[in-house]
Amino acid sequence: MKGCTKRLGAVLLLGVLGWGYAQKVARSAPDFIPGGAWLSSEPLSIEDLRGKVVLVNVWVYSCYNCTHSLPTLQGWYERFKEQGFEIVGVHTPEFKSDKPLKNVQEALLREGVTWPVIQDNAAATWRAYGNSVWPTFYLVDKRGIVRKVQRGELSSVFSQGIKPLRKALEALLAESP
């Protein structure tokens, strides 16, 4: 009976986690919460980005899974930007050393990140999205609705997330506004 209770608890926990995860899709994308510097852009809002397909990238420069995802994002940005695609990085620190603006600016330069990034030191935007891991990618359609959530590294090492996210991105770009 004890083992059964543990398994039931695990199933319930997975069900609750899965339900919470599913709730992030098909809802209006939360706005970016002011409070940190905007880099490579003036401050933006989800409303400012209406009519574009937006990939909200919740990341931190000290996370190797996050930085390993950047070449994939850079390729997409170069390929799809002229078709109405935008990336907005939400840089949410994990460590104290991730917080200084100078460190973030140096990381963006070092990594070649040219899209808009908001510094989210208070994790306000992180919380608004209900985020729990780095990196997480929220694909937002032209109307401002979250249509897909992808957690984890997007690289040649962990490529299983690349194809479904890219397919969803291309489908959203093809949709009428």
Protein backbone atom coordinates (compact mmCIF):
# COMPACT_ATOMS: atom_id res chain seq x y z
CA MET A 1 0.00 0.00 0.00
CA LYS A 2 2.86 2.35 0.83
CA GLY A 3 4.38 1.94 -2.68
CA CYS A 4 0.95 2.47 -4.21
CA THR A 5 0.54 5.72 -2.29
CA LYS A 6 3.94 6.94 -3.50
CA ARG A 7 3.08 6.09 -7.10
CA LEU A 8 -0.30 7.79 -6.81
CA GLY A 9 1.39 10.85 -5.34
CA ALA A 10 3.88 10.91 -8.22
CA VAL A 11 1.07 10.57 -10.79
CA LEU A 12 -0.89 13.37 -9.13
CA LEU A 13 2.19 15.58 -8.99
CA LEU A 14 2.93 14.97 -12.67
CA GLY A 15 -0.69 15.67 -13.50
CA VAL A 16 -0.65 18.97 -11.62
CA LEU A 17 2.67 19.96 -13.19
CA GLY A 18 1.42 19.00 -16.63
CA TRP A 19 -1.80 20.94 -16.14
CA GLY A 20 0.11 24.03 -15.04
CA TYR A 21 2.39 23.70 -18.04
CA ALA A 22 -0.55 23.41 -20.40
CA GLN A 23 -2.16 26.50 -18.92
CA LYS A 24 0.68 28.64 -20.28
CA VAL A 25 -0.43 27.96 -23.86
CA ALA A 26 -3.43 29.66 -25.52
CA ARG A 27 -3.47 32.58 -23.13
CA SER A 28 -2.49 36.19 -23.61
CA ALA A 29 1.23 36.67 -23.24
CA PRO A 30 2.07 38.57 -20.07
CA ASP A 31 3.72 41.92 -20.62
CA PHE A 32 7.35 42.65 -19.81
CA ILE A 33 7.42 44.09 -16.29
CA PRO A 34 9.34 47.37 -16.11
CA GLY A 35 12.14 47.63 -13.62
CA GLY A 36 15.26 46.69 -15.52
CA ALA A 37 17.30 48.12 -18.36
CA TRP A 38 16.40 47.40 -21.96
CA LEU A 39 19.36 46.49 -24.13
CA SER A 40 19.50 46.73 -27.95
CA SER A 41 16.06 48.36 -27.91
CA GLU A 42 13.81 50.94 -26.40
CA PRO A 43 11.36 49.45 -23.86
CA LEU A 44 8.84 47.18 -25.54
CA SER A 45 5.49 45.73 -24.61
CA ILE A 46 3.57 42.78 -25.97
CA GLU A 47 1.16 45.33 -27.44
CA ASP A 48 4.06 47.04 -29.30
CA LEU A 49 4.85 43.67 -30.90
CA ARG A 50 1.31 42.91 -32.16
CA GLY A 51 1.44 41.79 -35.75
CA LYS A 52 4.78 40.02 -35.20
CA VAL A 53 5.56 36.49 -34.11
CA VAL A 54 7.62 36.81 -30.93
CA LEU A 55 9.86 34.32 -29.21
CA VAL A 56 10.22 35.31 -25.55
CA ASN A 57 13.49 33.76 -24.42
CA VAL A 58 13.79 33.53 -20.62
CA TRP A 59 17.49 33.03 -20.02
CA VAL A 60 20.61 34.01 -18.09
CA TYR A 61 24.07 34.40 -19.59
CA SER A 62 25.74 32.20 -16.94
CA CYS A 63 23.62 29.17 -17.93
CA TYR A 64 25.39 27.01 -20.48
CA ASN A 65 22.07 25.56 -21.71
CA CYS A 66 20.97 29.14 -22.41
CA THR A 67 24.15 30.15 -24.23
CA HIS A 68 24.23 26.89 -26.20
CA SER A 69 20.77 27.85 -27.51
CA LEU A 70 21.91 31.22 -28.85
CA PRO A 71 23.30 29.99 -32.22
CA THR A 72 19.92 28.41 -33.01
CA LEU A 73 18.15 31.64 -32.08
CA GLN A 74 20.63 33.73 -34.08
CA GLY A 75 20.00 31.60 -37.16
CA TRP A 76 16.25 31.98 -36.81
CA TYR A 77 16.56 35.72 -36.18
CA GLU A 78 18.60 36.23 -39.36
CA ARG A 79 16.31 34.04 -41.41
CA PHE A 80 12.88 35.17 -40.19
CA LYS A 81 13.27 38.76 -38.92
CA GLU A 82 12.24 40.27 -42.27
CA GLN A 83 9.10 38.08 -42.21
CA GLY A 84 7.85 39.64 -38.96
CA PHE A 85 9.74 37.59 -36.36
CA GLU A 86 11.14 39.11 -33.17
CA ILE A 87 12.99 37.67 -30.22
CA VAL A 88 12.82 39.32 -26.82
CA GLY A 89 15.29 38.06 -24.26
CA VAL A 90 14.23 38.18 -20.63
CA HIS A 91 17.52 38.01 -18.74
CA THR A 92 16.64 36.72 -15.27
CA PRO A 93 19.65 36.22 -12.98
CA GLU A 94 20.38 33.04 -11.14
CA PHE A 95 23.43 34.33 -9.25
CA LYS A 96 24.42 37.70 -7.81
CA SER A 97 27.10 38.03 -10.51
CA ASP A 98 24.37 37.84 -13.19
CA LYS A 99 22.79 41.10 -12.00
CA PRO A 100 25.21 43.92 -12.88
CA LEU A 101 24.22 45.67 -16.11
CA LYS A 102 27.85 45.74 -17.28
CA ASN A 103 28.09 41.94 -17.04
CA VAL A 104 24.93 41.50 -19.09
CA GLN A 105 26.11 44.00 -21.71
CA GLU A 106 29.45 42.20 -22.00
CA ALA A 107 27.71 38.84 -22.38
CA LEU A 108 25.44 40.15 -25.14
CA LEU A 109 28.45 41.51 -27.00
CA ARG A 110 30.48 38.32 -26.47
CA GLU A 111 27.60 36.08 -27.60
CA GLY A 112 26.50 38.28 -30.52
CA VAL A 113 22.97 38.85 -29.21
CA THR A 114 21.43 41.69 -31.20
CA TRP A 115 17.73 41.32 -30.39
CA PRO A 116 16.01 43.24 -27.58
CA VAL A 117 16.76 42.06 -24.04
CA ILE A 118 15.18 43.23 -20.80
CA GLN A 119 17.10 42.87 -17.57
CA ASP A 120 14.74 41.13 -15.15
CA ASN A 121 16.76 41.29 -11.91
CA ALA A 122 13.65 41.19 -9.72
CA ALA A 123 12.29 38.18 -11.69
CA ALA A 124 9.02 40.05 -12.20
CA THR A 125 8.58 39.02 -15.83
CA TRP A 126 9.79 35.51 -14.93
CA ARG A 127 6.92 35.29 -12.39
CA ALA A 128 4.38 36.85 -14.78
CA TYR A 129 5.08 34.01 -17.21
CA GLY A 130 4.99 31.43 -14.42
CA ASN A 131 8.47 30.37 -15.44
CA SER A 132 10.48 27.77 -13.56
CA VAL A 133 13.61 26.89 -15.59
CA TRP A 134 16.30 28.37 -17.81
CA PRO A 135 16.02 28.49 -20.72
CA THR A 136 12.34 28.57 -21.57
CA PHE A 137 10.93 29.80 -24.86
CA TYR A 138 7.41 31.21 -25.24
CA LEU A 139 6.23 31.47 -28.84
CA VAL A 140 3.69 34.27 -29.12
CA ASP A 141 1.47 34.74 -32.17
CA LYS A 142 0.65 37.97 -34.00
CA ARG A 143 -2.32 38.60 -31.69
CA GLY A 144 -0.25 38.30 -28.51
CA ILE A 145 -1.33 34.75 -27.58
CA VAL A 146 1.19 32.20 -26.26
CA ARG A 147 0.94 29.31 -28.70
CA LYS A 148 3.86 27.10 -27.71
CA VAL A 149 6.18 26.71 -24.73
CA GLN A 150 9.51 24.94 -25.06
CA ARG A 151 11.76 24.29 -22.08
CA GLY A 152 15.42 23.39 -22.32
CA GLU A 153 18.38 23.86 -24.57
CA LEU A 154 17.94 24.28 -28.33
CA SER A 155 21.22 23.09 -29.81
CA SER A 156 22.76 20.29 -31.83
CA VAL A 157 23.36 18.45 -28.54
CA PHE A 158 19.70 18.72 -27.48
CA SER A 159 18.06 19.07 -30.86
CA GLN A 160 14.70 17.42 -30.08
CA GLY A 161 13.11 20.80 -29.32
CA ILE A 162 14.38 22.60 -32.41
CA LYS A 163 12.21 21.03 -35.11
CA PRO A 164 8.82 21.35 -33.32
CA LEU A 165 9.52 24.94 -32.25
CA ARG A 166 10.73 25.95 -35.70
CA LYS A 167 7.71 24.27 -37.32
CA ALA A 168 5.39 26.20 -34.98
CA LEU A 169 7.29 29.44 -35.71
CA GLU A 170 6.95 28.97 -39.47
CA ALA A 171 3.25 28.14 -39.14
CA LEU A 172 2.63 31.29 -37.07
CA LEU A 173 4.51 33.45 -39.58
CA ALA A 174 2.24 32.07 -42.31
CA GLU A 175 -0.96 32.90 -40.38
CA SER A 176 -2.93 36.04 -41.13
CA PRO A 177 -2.78 38.63 -38.33
